[in-house]
Amino acid sequence: MSQDTTVNYTPAMINALEIAAPLDLAKCRALLTNPLFAGKSVRSLIAKAKREGIEYISKPAPAKKKAAPSKADIVAAICAAVDTDTLDGLEKATGSALNKLLSNLA
């Protein structure tokens, strides 16, 4: 019993990917306008390029947020600035309001 397999990417398609290397998202989208890649998706092109060892440059990860002090830390600093042990309920204020209060106390 023989199994016939369909070829998803022809040698011409793979050659077109190699010529366009190094690939990125914009180049993959542009390649989809070529009738040779009709019916293919961007993800399919990227996956095939990676499987074939064709260089693909992914976009850089978004920058991580800076570590900011927590509201509890800001309230503790305000307590120290006004020389009191506790300011119950103040931690429910917005972070920007707490920062403004602390900067005006210092």
PDB file of N, CA and C in Angstrom:
ATOM      1  N   MET A   1       0.846  -1.176   0.000  1.00  0.00           N
ATOM      2  CA  MET A   1       0.000   0.000   0.000  1.00  0.00           C
ATOM      3  C   MET A   1       0.892   1.241   0.000  1.00  0.00           C
ATOM      4  N   SER A   2       0.814   2.045  -0.995  1.00  0.00           N
ATOM      5  CA  SER A   2       1.647   3.238  -1.074  1.00  0.00           C
ATOM      6  C   SER A   2       0.835   4.461  -0.665  1.00  0.00           C
ATOM      7  N   GLN A   3       1.533   5.370  -0.009  1.00  0.00           N
ATOM      8  CA  GLN A   3       0.871   6.594   0.422  1.00  0.00           C
ATOM      9  C   GLN A   3       1.362   7.741  -0.455  1.00  0.00           C
ATOM     10  N   ASP A   4       0.431   8.455  -1.015  1.00  0.00           N
ATOM     11  CA  ASP A   4       0.789   9.629  -1.796  1.00  0.00           C
ATOM     12  C   ASP A   4       0.758  10.826  -0.861  1.00  0.00           C
ATOM     13  N   THR A   5       1.840  11.577  -0.846  1.00  0.00           N
ATOM     14  CA  THR A   5       1.874  12.770  -0.017  1.00  0.00           C
ATOM     15  C   THR A   5       1.859  13.988  -0.915  1.00  0.00           C
ATOM     16  N   THR A   6       1.172  15.003  -0.469  1.00  0.00           N
ATOM     17  CA  THR A   6       1.135  16.240  -1.234  1.00  0.00           C
ATOM     18  C   THR A   6       2.286  17.118  -0.773  1.00  0.00           C
ATOM     19  N   VAL A   7       2.856  17.831  -1.673  1.00  0.00           N
ATOM     20  CA  VAL A   7       3.967  18.719  -1.366  1.00  0.00           C
ATOM     21  C   VAL A   7       3.385  20.097  -1.085  1.00  0.00           C
ATOM     22  N   ASN A   8       3.581  20.573   0.135  1.00  0.00           N
ATOM     23  CA  ASN A   8       3.049  21.884   0.504  1.00  0.00           C
ATOM     24  C   ASN A   8       3.885  23.019  -0.072  1.00  0.00           C
ATOM     25  N   TYR A   9       5.198  22.801  -0.132  1.00  0.00           N
ATOM     26  CA  TYR A   9       6.105  23.822  -0.647  1.00  0.00           C
ATOM     27  C   TYR A   9       6.943  23.212  -1.760  1.00  0.00           C
ATOM     28  N   THR A  10       6.862  23.800  -2.917  1.00  0.00           N
ATOM     29  CA  THR A  10       7.630  23.317  -4.067  1.00  0.00           C
ATOM     30  C   THR A  10       9.065  23.836  -3.951  1.00  0.00           C
ATOM     31  N   PRO A  11       9.992  23.234  -4.685  1.00  0.00           N
ATOM     32  CA  PRO A  11      11.365  23.762  -4.688  1.00  0.00           C
ATOM     33  C   PRO A  11      11.427  25.227  -5.115  1.00  0.00           C
ATOM     34  N   ALA A  12      10.540  25.642  -6.010  1.00  0.00           N
ATOM     35  CA  ALA A  12      10.513  27.053  -6.440  1.00  0.00           C
ATOM     36  C   ALA A  12      10.115  27.964  -5.282  1.00  0.00           C
ATOM     37  N   MET A  13       9.191  27.510  -4.460  1.00  0.00           N
ATOM     38  CA  MET A  13       8.760  28.307  -3.304  1.00  0.00           C
ATOM     39  C   MET A  13       9.893  28.427  -2.295  1.00  0.00           C
ATOM     40  N   ILE A  14      10.566  27.326  -2.035  1.00  0.00           N
ATOM     41  CA  ILE A  14      11.680  27.339  -1.086  1.00  0.00           C
ATOM     42  C   ILE A  14      12.804  28.220  -1.615  1.00  0.00           C
ATOM     43  N   ASN A  15      13.048  28.157  -2.928  1.00  0.00           N
ATOM     44  CA  ASN A  15      14.064  29.002  -3.543  1.00  0.00           C
ATOM     45  C   ASN A  15      13.710  30.480  -3.371  1.00  0.00           C
ATOM     46  N   ALA A  16      12.448  30.827  -3.527  1.00  0.00           N
ATOM     47  CA  ALA A  16      12.007  32.221  -3.354  1.00  0.00           C
ATOM     48  C   ALA A  16      12.223  32.669  -1.914  1.00  0.00           C
ATOM     49  N   LEU A  17      12.000  31.782  -0.954  1.00  0.00           N
ATOM     50  CA  LEU A  17      12.260  32.114   0.449  1.00  0.00           C
ATOM     51  C   LEU A  17      13.748  32.351   0.677  1.00  0.00           C
ATOM     52  N   GLU A  18      14.583  31.495   0.080  1.00  0.00           N
ATOM     53  CA  GLU A  18      16.035  31.633   0.247  1.00  0.00           C
ATOM     54  C   GLU A  18      16.545  32.935  -0.358  1.00  0.00           C
ATOM     55  N   ILE A  19      15.985  33.321  -1.510  1.00  0.00           N
ATOM     56  CA  ILE A  19      16.402  34.564  -2.171  1.00  0.00           C
ATOM     57  C   ILE A  19      16.024  35.773  -1.318  1.00  0.00           C
ATOM     58  N   ALA A  20      14.886  35.714  -0.656  1.00  0.00           N
ATOM     59  CA  ALA A  20      14.410  36.837   0.150  1.00  0.00           C
ATOM     60  C   ALA A  20      15.085  36.909   1.520  1.00  0.00           C
ATOM     61  N   ALA A  21      15.878  35.911   1.879  1.00  0.00           N
ATOM     62  CA  ALA A  21      16.519  35.861   3.202  1.00  0.00           C
ATOM     63  C   ALA A  21      17.474  37.035   3.375  1.00  0.00           C
ATOM     64  N   PRO A  22      17.650  37.534   4.577  1.00  0.00           N
ATOM     65  CA  PRO A  22      17.000  37.119   5.815  1.00  0.00           C
ATOM     66  C   PRO A  22      15.561  37.625   5.864  1.00  0.00           C
ATOM     67  N   LEU A  23      14.670  36.764   6.283  1.00  0.00           N
ATOM     68  CA  LEU A  23      13.243  37.079   6.320  1.00  0.00           C
ATOM     69  C   LEU A  23      12.880  37.779   7.625  1.00  0.00           C
ATOM     70  N   ASP A  24      11.858  38.576   7.552  1.00  0.00           N
ATOM     71  CA  ASP A  24      11.219  39.130   8.740  1.00  0.00           C
ATOM     72  C   ASP A  24       9.715  39.170   8.444  1.00  0.00           C
ATOM     73  N   LEU A  25       8.946  39.653   9.388  1.00  0.00           N
ATOM     74  CA  LEU A  25       7.491  39.649   9.223  1.00  0.00           C
ATOM     75  C   LEU A  25       7.061  40.429   7.980  1.00  0.00           C
ATOM     76  N   ALA A  26       7.662  41.580   7.757  1.00  0.00           N
ATOM     77  CA  ALA A  26       7.282  42.410   6.607  1.00  0.00           C
ATOM     78  C   ALA A  26       7.595  41.704   5.284  1.00  0.00           C
ATOM     79  N   LYS A  27       8.750  41.051   5.204  1.00  0.00           N
ATOM     80  CA  LYS A  27       9.108  40.343   3.964  1.00  0.00           C
ATOM     81  C   LYS A  27       8.177  39.165   3.721  1.00  0.00           C
ATOM     82  N   CYS A  28       7.804  38.469   4.795  1.00  0.00           N
ATOM     83  CA  CYS A  28       6.879  37.340   4.645  1.00  0.00           C
ATOM     84  C   CYS A  28       5.522  37.810   4.144  1.00  0.00           C
ATOM     85  N   ARG A  29       5.062  38.942   4.669  1.00  0.00           N
ATOM     86  CA  ARG A  29       3.781  39.486   4.200  1.00  0.00           C
ATOM     87  C   ARG A  29       3.874  39.890   2.737  1.00  0.00           C
ATOM     88  N   ALA A  30       5.017  40.464   2.349  1.00  0.00           N
ATOM     89  CA  ALA A  30       5.205  40.869   0.956  1.00  0.00           C
ATOM     90  C   ALA A  30       5.241  39.648   0.038  1.00  0.00           C
ATOM     91  N   LEU A  31       5.847  38.562   0.496  1.00  0.00           N
ATOM     92  CA  LEU A  31       5.910  37.346  -0.312  1.00  0.00           C
ATOM     93  C   LEU A  31       4.523  36.772  -0.589  1.00  0.00           C
ATOM     94  N   LEU A  32       3.593  36.999   0.312  1.00  0.00           N
ATOM     95  CA  LEU A  32       2.245  36.461   0.127  1.00  0.00           C
ATOM     96  C   LEU A  32       1.528  37.090  -1.067  1.00  0.00           C
ATOM     97  N   THR A  33       2.006  38.238  -1.540  1.00  0.00           N
ATOM     98  CA  THR A  33       1.395  38.856  -2.720  1.00  0.00           C
ATOM     99  C   THR A  33       1.811  38.135  -4.006  1.00  0.00           C
ATOM    100  N   ASN A  34       2.868  37.330  -3.904  1.00  0.00           N
ATOM    101  CA  ASN A  34       3.342  36.541  -5.042  1.00  0.00           C
ATOM    102  C   ASN A  34       2.363  35.386  -5.272  1.00  0.00           C
ATOM    103  N   PRO A  35       1.890  35.195  -6.502  1.00  0.00           N
ATOM    104  CA  PRO A  35       0.952  34.098  -6.783  1.00  0.00           C
ATOM    105  C   PRO A  35       1.521  32.721  -6.445  1.00  0.00           C
ATOM    106  N   LEU A  36       2.824  32.628  -6.364  1.00  0.00           N
ATOM    107  CA  LEU A  36       3.475  31.368  -6.020  1.00  0.00           C
ATOM    108  C   LEU A  36       3.053  30.895  -4.621  1.00  0.00           C
ATOM    109  N   PHE A  37       2.764  31.855  -3.736  1.00  0.00           N
ATOM    110  CA  PHE A  37       2.417  31.535  -2.353  1.00  0.00           C
ATOM    111  C   PHE A  37       0.917  31.658  -2.080  1.00  0.00           C
ATOM    112  N   ALA A  38       0.102  31.556  -3.097  1.00  0.00           N
ATOM    113  CA  ALA A  38      -1.355  31.666  -2.936  1.00  0.00           C
ATOM    114  C   ALA A  38      -1.850  30.605  -1.959  1.00  0.00           C
ATOM    115  N   GLY A  39      -2.676  31.028  -1.026  1.00  0.00           N
ATOM    116  CA  GLY A  39      -3.262  30.106  -0.059  1.00  0.00           C
ATOM    117  C   GLY A  39      -2.398  29.857   1.165  1.00  0.00           C
ATOM    118  N   LYS A  40      -1.209  30.446   1.214  1.00  0.00           N
ATOM    119  CA  LYS A  40      -0.322  30.260   2.372  1.00  0.00           C
ATOM    120  C   LYS A  40      -0.533  31.407   3.354  1.00  0.00           C
ATOM    121  N   SER A  41      -0.182  31.149   4.602  1.00  0.00           N
ATOM    122  CA  SER A  41      -0.283  32.199   5.621  1.00  0.00           C
ATOM    123  C   SER A  41       1.113  32.651   6.018  1.00  0.00           C
ATOM    124  N   VAL A  42       1.176  33.782   6.676  1.00  0.00           N
ATOM    125  CA  VAL A  42       2.457  34.304   7.156  1.00  0.00           C
ATOM    126  C   VAL A  42       3.100  33.299   8.098  1.00  0.00           C
ATOM    127  N   ARG A  43       2.314  32.743   9.009  1.00  0.00           N
ATOM    128  CA  ARG A  43       2.849  31.767   9.974  1.00  0.00           C
ATOM    129  C   ARG A  43       3.411  30.546   9.252  1.00  0.00           C
ATOM    130  N   SER A  44       2.761  30.133   8.187  1.00  0.00           N
ATOM    131  CA  SER A  44       3.233  28.993   7.424  1.00  0.00           C
ATOM    132  C   SER A  44       4.587  29.293   6.782  1.00  0.00           C
ATOM    133  N   LEU A  45       4.736  30.493   6.213  1.00  0.00           N
ATOM    134  CA  LEU A  45       6.002  30.876   5.604  1.00  0.00           C
ATOM    135  C   LEU A  45       7.127  30.908   6.636  1.00  0.00           C
ATOM    136  N   ILE A  46       6.835  31.482   7.794  1.00  0.00           N
ATOM    137  CA  ILE A  46       7.843  31.582   8.849  1.00  0.00           C
ATOM    138  C   ILE A  46       8.258  30.189   9.320  1.00  0.00           C
ATOM    139  N   ALA A  47       7.281  29.337   9.540  1.00  0.00           N
ATOM    140  CA  ALA A  47       7.577  27.981  10.008  1.00  0.00           C
ATOM    141  C   ALA A  47       8.402  27.222   8.982  1.00  0.00           C
ATOM    142  N   LYS A  48       8.060  27.354   7.710  1.00  0.00           N
ATOM    143  CA  LYS A  48       8.803  26.653   6.663  1.00  0.00           C
ATOM    144  C   LYS A  48      10.230  27.183   6.576  1.00  0.00           C
ATOM    145  N   ALA A  49      10.386  28.485   6.676  1.00  0.00           N
ATOM    146  CA  ALA A  49      11.730  29.074   6.633  1.00  0.00           C
ATOM    147  C   ALA A  49      12.587  28.529   7.775  1.00  0.00           C
ATOM    148  N   LYS A  50      12.016  28.463   8.960  1.00  0.00           N
ATOM    149  CA  LYS A  50      12.771  27.956  10.115  1.00  0.00           C
ATOM    150  C   LYS A  50      13.125  26.483   9.932  1.00  0.00           C
ATOM    151  N   ARG A  51      12.193  25.698   9.407  1.00  0.00           N
ATOM    152  CA  ARG A  51      12.469  24.268   9.178  1.00  0.00           C
ATOM    153  C   ARG A  51      13.561  24.066   8.137  1.00  0.00           C
ATOM    154  N   GLU A  52      13.602  24.945   7.147  1.00  0.00           N
ATOM    155  CA  GLU A  52      14.595  24.821   6.076  1.00  0.00           C
ATOM    156  C   GLU A  52      15.933  25.453   6.448  1.00  0.00           C
ATOM    157  N   GLY A  53      16.002  26.092   7.622  1.00  0.00           N
ATOM    158  CA  GLY A  53      17.250  26.726   8.045  1.00  0.00           C
ATOM    159  C   GLY A  53      17.473  28.087   7.411  1.00  0.00           C
ATOM    160  N   ILE A  54      16.427  28.687   6.881  1.00  0.00           N
ATOM    161  CA  ILE A  54      16.512  30.019   6.288  1.00  0.00           C
ATOM    162  C   ILE A  54      16.395  31.035   7.417  1.00  0.00           C
ATOM    163  N   GLU A  55      17.278  32.017   7.411  1.00  0.00           N
ATOM    164  CA  GLU A  55      17.324  32.977   8.516  1.00  0.00           C
ATOM    165  C   GLU A  55      16.017  33.770   8.608  1.00  0.00           C
ATOM    166  N   TYR A  56      15.470  33.818   9.814  1.00  0.00           N
ATOM    167  CA  TYR A  56      14.274  34.616  10.095  1.00  0.00           C
ATOM    168  C   TYR A  56      14.585  35.495  11.288  1.00  0.00           C
ATOM    169  N   ILE A  57      14.374  36.780  11.144  1.00  0.00           N
ATOM    170  CA  ILE A  57      14.644  37.734  12.218  1.00  0.00           C
ATOM    171  C   ILE A  57      13.311  38.142  12.826  1.00  0.00           C
ATOM    172  N   SER A  58      13.085  37.719  14.074  1.00  0.00           N
ATOM    173  CA  SER A  58      11.837  38.077  14.738  1.00  0.00           C
ATOM    174  C   SER A  58      11.975  39.462  15.354  1.00  0.00           C
ATOM    175  N   LYS A  59      10.848  40.107  15.545  1.00  0.00           N
ATOM    176  CA  LYS A  59      10.902  41.442  16.129  1.00  0.00           C
ATOM    177  C   LYS A  59      11.313  41.316  17.586  1.00  0.00           C
ATOM    178  N   PRO A  60      12.015  42.307  18.103  1.00  0.00           N
ATOM    179  CA  PRO A  60      12.481  42.225  19.484  1.00  0.00           C
ATOM    180  C   PRO A  60      11.317  42.239  20.470  1.00  0.00           C
ATOM    181  N   ALA A  61      11.546  41.605  21.597  1.00  0.00           N
ATOM    182  CA  ALA A  61      10.526  41.570  22.649  1.00  0.00           C
ATOM    183  C   ALA A  61      10.321  42.973  23.198  1.00  0.00           C
ATOM    184  N   PRO A  62       9.100  43.283  23.625  1.00  0.00           N
ATOM    185  CA  PRO A  62       8.857  44.613  24.184  1.00  0.00           C
ATOM    186  C   PRO A  62       9.677  44.824  25.446  1.00  0.00           C
ATOM    187  N   ALA A  63      10.056  46.062  25.671  1.00  0.00           N
ATOM    188  CA  ALA A  63      10.857  46.397  26.844  1.00  0.00           C
ATOM    189  C   ALA A  63      10.066  46.132  28.119  1.00  0.00           C
ATOM    190  N   LYS A  64      10.765  45.647  29.112  1.00  0.00           N
ATOM    191  CA  LYS A  64      10.111  45.378  30.384  1.00  0.00           C
ATOM    192  C   LYS A  64       9.919  46.680  31.147  1.00  0.00           C
ATOM    193  N   LYS A  65       8.867  46.704  31.944  1.00  0.00           N
ATOM    194  CA  LYS A  65       8.598  47.887  32.743  1.00  0.00           C
ATOM    195  C   LYS A  65       9.663  48.045  33.817  1.00  0.00           C
ATOM    196  N   LYS A  66       9.923  49.296  34.169  1.00  0.00           N
ATOM    197  CA  LYS A  66      10.869  49.556  35.246  1.00  0.00           C
ATOM    198  C   LYS A  66      10.222  49.141  36.562  1.00  0.00           C
ATOM    199  N   ALA A  67      11.043  48.647  37.455  1.00  0.00           N
ATOM    200  CA  ALA A  67      10.539  48.261  38.766  1.00  0.00           C
ATOM    201  C   ALA A  67      10.214  49.530  39.551  1.00  0.00           C
ATOM    202  N   ALA A  68       8.963  49.725  39.850  1.00  0.00           N
ATOM    203  CA  ALA A  68       8.521  50.904  40.597  1.00  0.00           C
ATOM    204  C   ALA A  68       8.193  50.489  42.024  1.00  0.00           C
ATOM    205  N   PRO A  69       8.334  51.409  42.952  1.00  0.00           N
ATOM    206  CA  PRO A  69       7.984  51.066  44.331  1.00  0.00           C
ATOM    207  C   PRO A  69       6.484  50.781  44.447  1.00  0.00           C
ATOM    208  N   SER A  70       6.142  49.872  45.339  1.00  0.00           N
ATOM    209  CA  SER A  70       4.732  49.534  45.531  1.00  0.00           C
ATOM    210  C   SER A  70       4.039  50.639  46.315  1.00  0.00           C
ATOM    211  N   LYS A  71       2.726  50.600  46.290  1.00  0.00           N
ATOM    212  CA  LYS A  71       1.961  51.582  47.056  1.00  0.00           C
ATOM    213  C   LYS A  71       2.287  51.480  48.538  1.00  0.00           C
ATOM    214  N   ALA A  72       2.450  50.259  49.025  1.00  0.00           N
ATOM    215  CA  ALA A  72       2.783  50.068  50.445  1.00  0.00           C
ATOM    216  C   ALA A  72       4.109  50.733  50.783  1.00  0.00           C
ATOM    217  N   ASP A  73       5.081  50.645  49.871  1.00  0.00           N
ATOM    218  CA  ASP A  73       6.376  51.297  50.092  1.00  0.00           C
ATOM    219  C   ASP A  73       6.227  52.815  50.133  1.00  0.00           C
ATOM    220  N   ILE A  74       5.411  53.359  49.236  1.00  0.00           N
ATOM    221  CA  ILE A  74       5.208  54.814  49.197  1.00  0.00           C
ATOM    222  C   ILE A  74       4.487  55.281  50.460  1.00  0.00           C
ATOM    223  N   VAL A  75       3.471  54.526  50.899  1.00  0.00           N
ATOM    224  CA  VAL A  75       2.746  54.887  52.124  1.00  0.00           C
ATOM    225  C   VAL A  75       3.684  54.829  53.320  1.00  0.00           C
ATOM    226  N   ALA A  76       4.568  53.830  53.366  1.00  0.00           N
ATOM    227  CA  ALA A  76       5.541  53.737  54.460  1.00  0.00           C
ATOM    228  C   ALA A  76       6.468  54.948  54.455  1.00  0.00           C
ATOM    229  N   ALA A  77       6.874  55.410  53.277  1.00  0.00           N
ATOM    230  CA  ALA A  77       7.731  56.594  53.181  1.00  0.00           C
ATOM    231  C   ALA A  77       6.980  57.838  53.629  1.00  0.00           C
ATOM    232  N   ILE A  78       5.692  57.931  53.291  1.00  0.00           N
ATOM    233  CA  ILE A  78       4.875  59.071  53.730  1.00  0.00           C
ATOM    234  C   ILE A  78       4.737  59.049  55.243  1.00  0.00           C
ATOM    235  N   CYS A  79       4.492  57.862  55.820  1.00  0.00           N
ATOM    236  CA  CYS A  79       4.397  57.729  57.278  1.00  0.00           C
ATOM    237  C   CYS A  79       5.686  58.206  57.942  1.00  0.00           C
ATOM    238  N   ALA A  80       6.820  57.847  57.385  1.00  0.00           N
ATOM    239  CA  ALA A  80       8.101  58.274  57.938  1.00  0.00           C
ATOM    240  C   ALA A  80       8.262  59.787  57.817  1.00  0.00           C
ATOM    241  N   ALA A  81       7.798  60.356  56.702  1.00  0.00           N
ATOM    242  CA  ALA A  81       7.940  61.794  56.482  1.00  0.00           C
ATOM    243  C   ALA A  81       7.084  62.614  57.440  1.00  0.00           C
ATOM    244  N   VAL A  82       5.910  62.102  57.813  1.00  0.00           N
ATOM    245  CA  VAL A  82       5.033  62.849  58.721  1.00  0.00           C
ATOM    246  C   VAL A  82       5.151  62.335  60.154  1.00  0.00           C
ATOM    247  N   ASP A  83       6.069  61.404  60.398  1.00  0.00           N
ATOM    248  CA  ASP A  83       6.382  60.864  61.723  1.00  0.00           C
ATOM    249  C   ASP A  83       5.148  60.249  62.400  1.00  0.00           C
ATOM    250  N   THR A  84       4.552  59.289  61.708  1.00  0.00           N
ATOM    251  CA  THR A  84       3.424  58.544  62.271  1.00  0.00           C
ATOM    252  C   THR A  84       3.619  57.061  61.961  1.00  0.00           C
ATOM    253  N   ASP A  85       2.916  56.221  62.741  1.00  0.00           N
ATOM    254  CA  ASP A  85       3.071  54.776  62.561  1.00  0.00           C
ATOM    255  C   ASP A  85       2.227  54.231  61.418  1.00  0.00           C
ATOM    256  N   THR A  86       1.029  54.738  61.272  1.00  0.00           N
ATOM    257  CA  THR A  86       0.136  54.183  60.255  1.00  0.00           C
ATOM    258  C   THR A  86      -0.774  55.257  59.676  1.00  0.00           C
ATOM    259  N   LEU A  87      -1.141  55.082  58.447  1.00  0.00           N
ATOM    260  CA  LEU A  87      -2.110  55.937  57.766  1.00  0.00           C
ATOM    261  C   LEU A  87      -3.090  55.007  57.059  1.00  0.00           C
ATOM    262  N   ASP A  88      -3.977  54.401  57.850  1.00  0.00           N
ATOM    263  CA  ASP A  88      -4.925  53.421  57.325  1.00  0.00           C
ATOM    264  C   ASP A  88      -5.755  53.997  56.181  1.00  0.00           C
ATOM    265  N   GLY A  89      -5.882  53.231  55.106  1.00  0.00           N
ATOM    266  CA  GLY A  89      -6.701  53.616  53.963  1.00  0.00           C
ATOM    267  C   GLY A  89      -5.952  54.386  52.893  1.00  0.00           C
ATOM    268  N   LEU A  90      -4.794  54.918  53.232  1.00  0.00           N
ATOM    269  CA  LEU A  90      -4.054  55.711  52.258  1.00  0.00           C
ATOM    270  C   LEU A  90      -3.554  54.853  51.088  1.00  0.00           C
ATOM    271  N   GLU A  91      -3.306  53.569  51.343  1.00  0.00           N
ATOM    272  CA  GLU A  91      -2.805  52.691  50.279  1.00  0.00           C
ATOM    273  C   GLU A  91      -3.840  52.460  49.174  1.00  0.00           C
ATOM    274  N   LYS A  92      -5.077  52.888  49.430  1.00  0.00           N
ATOM    275  CA  LYS A  92      -6.118  52.736  48.399  1.00  0.00           C
ATOM    276  C   LYS A  92      -6.123  53.894  47.412  1.00  0.00           C
ATOM    277  N   ALA A  93      -5.321  54.905  47.675  1.00  0.00           N
ATOM    278  CA  ALA A  93      -5.201  56.042  46.754  1.00  0.00           C
ATOM    279  C   ALA A  93      -4.423  55.586  45.515  1.00  0.00           C
ATOM    280  N   THR A  94      -4.512  56.369  44.458  1.00  0.00           N
ATOM    281  CA  THR A  94      -3.770  56.018  43.245  1.00  0.00           C
ATOM    282  C   THR A  94      -2.278  56.207  43.468  1.00  0.00           C
ATOM    283  N   GLY A  95      -1.499  55.470  42.701  1.00  0.00           N
ATOM    284  CA  GLY A  95      -0.046  55.560  42.810  1.00  0.00           C
ATOM    285  C   GLY A  95       0.459  56.953  42.498  1.00  0.00           C
ATOM    286  N   SER A  96      -0.124  57.599  41.501  1.00  0.00           N
ATOM    287  CA  SER A  96       0.330  58.949  41.140  1.00  0.00           C
ATOM    288  C   SER A  96       0.015  59.949  42.252  1.00  0.00           C
ATOM    289  N   ALA A  97      -1.145  59.800  42.902  1.00  0.00           N
ATOM    290  CA  ALA A  97      -1.490  60.697  44.009  1.00  0.00           C
ATOM    291  C   ALA A  97      -0.533  60.492  45.176  1.00  0.00           C
ATOM    292  N   LEU A  98      -0.204  59.254  45.457  1.00  0.00           N
ATOM    293  CA  LEU A  98       0.743  58.974  46.546  1.00  0.00           C
ATOM    294  C   LEU A  98       2.116  59.544  46.240  1.00  0.00           C
ATOM    295  N   ASN A  99       2.565  59.429  44.980  1.00  0.00           N
ATOM    296  CA  ASN A  99       3.854  59.980  44.603  1.00  0.00           C
ATOM    297  C   ASN A  99       3.872  61.505  44.735  1.00  0.00           C
ATOM    298  N   LYS A 100       2.775  62.161  44.332  1.00  0.00           N
ATOM    299  CA  LYS A 100       2.694  63.625  44.461  1.00  0.00           C
ATOM    300  C   LYS A 100       2.745  64.043  45.924  1.00  0.00           C
ATOM    301  N   LEU A 101       2.013  63.320  46.780  1.00  0.00           N
ATOM    302  CA  LEU A 101       1.997  63.630  48.205  1.00  0.00           C
ATOM    303  C   LEU A 101       3.382  63.472  48.792  1.00  0.00           C
ATOM    304  N   LEU A 102       4.041  62.376  48.478  1.00  0.00           N
ATOM    305  CA  LEU A 102       5.377  62.132  48.997  1.00  0.00           C
ATOM    306  C   LEU A 102       6.376  63.186  48.521  1.00  0.00           C
ATOM    307  N   SER A 103       6.294  63.572  47.252  1.00  0.00           N
ATOM    308  CA  SER A 103       7.247  64.569  46.737  1.00  0.00           C
ATOM    309  C   SER A 103       7.003  65.939  47.377  1.00  0.00           C
ATOM    310  N   ASN A 104       5.758  66.266  47.736  1.00  0.00           N
ATOM    311  CA  ASN A 104       5.475  67.546  48.387  1.00  0.00           C
ATOM    312  C   ASN A 104       5.851  67.540  49.863  1.00  0.00           C
ATOM    313  N   LEU A 105       5.959  66.359  50.470  1.00  0.00           N
ATOM    314  CA  LEU A 105       6.360  66.277  51.868  1.00  0.00           C
ATOM    315  C   LEU A 105       7.867  66.341  52.029  1.00  0.00           C
ATOM    316  N   ALA A 106       8.573  65.901  51.026  1.00  0.00           N
ATOM    317  CA  ALA A 106      10.035  65.818  51.156  1.00  0.00           C
ATOM    318  C   ALA A 106      10.729  67.117  50.928  1.00  0.00           C
TER     319      ALA A 106
END
